Amino acid sequence: MDNAKNDLYYIRKLREDLTFIVAHGKLEMAEYEGNADEEYYMHLDDFHKLKMPMSPSEMKQIADKGFPFLQTMYSISEEICEKFIADIKKKRL
């Protein structure tokens, strides 16, 4: 998780076999007893709960690609991230 600090994260919610983006924020990590390899606390900074979740079909339409929704975590390109942020700021906050 060395690269995770200050990365933008999207919080997903599973519901009836569908995944929705319901919030986003930047990751802030803390060390466990001063040891950087023992991270135990992750705080989302600049956290925003969306007024209207982003559905899987909306994610695909905005990004013009599919996503591995069955995985717990996956990365997206900076370009797609910027598209998501623009959509979130325009329609969902």
Protein backbone atom coordinates (compact mmCIF):
# COMPACT_ATOMS: atom_id res chain seq x y z
CA MET A 1 0.00 0.00 0.00
CA ASP A 2 2.96 2.32 -0.36
CA ASN A 3 1.32 4.12 -3.28
CA ALA A 4 -2.07 4.41 -1.59
CA LYS A 5 -1.50 7.60 0.40
CA ASN A 6 -3.40 10.51 -1.13
CA ASP A 7 -4.96 8.28 -3.78
CA LEU A 8 -8.60 8.94 -4.52
CA TYR A 9 -10.95 6.19 -3.39
CA TYR A 10 -14.53 5.46 -4.32
CA ILE A 11 -16.74 3.69 -1.80
CA ARG A 12 -18.91 1.02 -3.34
CA LYS A 13 -22.09 -0.48 -1.99
CA LEU A 14 -23.34 -3.87 -3.08
CA ARG A 15 -27.08 -4.17 -3.43
CA GLU A 16 -29.06 -6.87 -5.18
CA ASP A 17 -26.06 -7.94 -7.27
CA LEU A 18 -25.37 -4.35 -8.33
CA THR A 19 -22.49 -2.15 -7.26
CA PHE A 20 -22.96 1.58 -6.79
CA ILE A 21 -20.43 4.29 -6.04
CA VAL A 22 -21.89 6.02 -3.00
CA ALA A 23 -18.97 8.18 -1.74
CA HIS A 24 -15.39 9.20 -2.47
CA GLY A 25 -12.39 10.68 -0.68
CA LYS A 26 -8.59 10.71 -0.39
CA LEU A 27 -6.84 8.08 1.70
CA GLU A 28 -4.80 9.13 4.74
CA MET A 29 -2.95 6.30 6.49
CA ALA A 30 -1.46 6.07 9.96
CA GLU A 31 1.33 3.81 11.15
CA TYR A 32 0.93 1.26 13.92
CA GLU A 33 3.27 2.03 16.82
CA GLY A 34 5.58 4.02 14.52
CA ASN A 35 6.06 1.17 12.04
CA ALA A 36 5.21 2.15 8.45
CA ASP A 37 4.80 -1.53 7.47
CA GLU A 38 2.05 -1.96 10.09
CA GLU A 39 -0.66 0.38 8.84
CA TYR A 40 -3.88 -0.10 10.75
CA TYR A 41 -5.93 3.05 10.35
CA MET A 42 -7.09 4.52 7.09
CA HIS A 43 -8.97 7.79 7.14
CA LEU A 44 -10.76 9.20 4.10
CA ASP A 45 -9.92 12.88 3.86
CA ASP A 46 -12.16 15.24 1.87
CA PHE A 47 -14.90 12.61 2.16
CA HIS A 48 -18.15 13.17 0.27
CA LYS A 49 -21.26 11.04 0.42
CA LEU A 50 -23.02 11.28 -2.92
CA LYS A 51 -26.63 12.49 -3.05
CA MET A 52 -27.20 10.22 -6.05
CA PRO A 53 -25.13 7.01 -6.33
CA MET A 54 -23.33 6.19 -9.56
CA SER A 55 -24.63 2.90 -10.99
CA PRO A 56 -22.54 0.31 -12.86
CA SER A 57 -24.12 1.28 -16.17
CA GLU A 58 -23.32 4.96 -15.50
CA MET A 59 -19.73 4.04 -14.60
CA LYS A 60 -19.37 2.14 -17.89
CA GLN A 61 -20.95 4.97 -19.88
CA ILE A 62 -18.76 7.67 -18.30
CA ALA A 63 -15.56 5.64 -18.61
CA ASP A 64 -16.43 4.01 -21.95
CA LYS A 65 -15.22 0.67 -20.52
CA GLY A 66 -16.26 -2.11 -18.18
CA PHE A 67 -15.00 -2.81 -14.65
CA PRO A 68 -14.32 -6.00 -12.65
CA PHE A 69 -17.23 -5.40 -10.27
CA LEU A 70 -16.83 -8.76 -8.52
CA GLN A 71 -13.42 -7.76 -7.15
CA THR A 72 -13.18 -6.02 -3.78
CA MET A 73 -10.71 -3.43 -5.04
CA TYR A 74 -9.41 -2.44 -8.45
CA SER A 75 -7.56 0.55 -9.86
CA ILE A 76 -8.73 2.94 -12.54
CA SER A 77 -6.70 5.26 -14.74
CA GLU A 78 -6.20 8.91 -13.86
CA GLU A 79 -8.17 9.86 -16.98
CA ILE A 80 -11.22 7.83 -15.89
CA CYS A 81 -10.86 9.15 -12.34
CA GLU A 82 -11.05 12.72 -13.68
CA LYS A 83 -14.20 11.81 -15.64
CA PHE A 84 -15.79 10.36 -12.49
CA ILE A 85 -14.87 13.45 -10.46
CA ALA A 86 -16.34 15.76 -13.10
CA ASP A 87 -19.59 13.77 -13.14
CA ILE A 88 -19.73 13.64 -9.34
CA LYS A 89 -19.20 17.39 -8.97
CA LYS A 90 -21.73 18.20 -11.69
CA LYS A 91 -24.55 15.83 -10.70
CA ARG A 92 -24.04 14.05 -7.40
CA LEU A 93 -22.87 16.34 -4.58
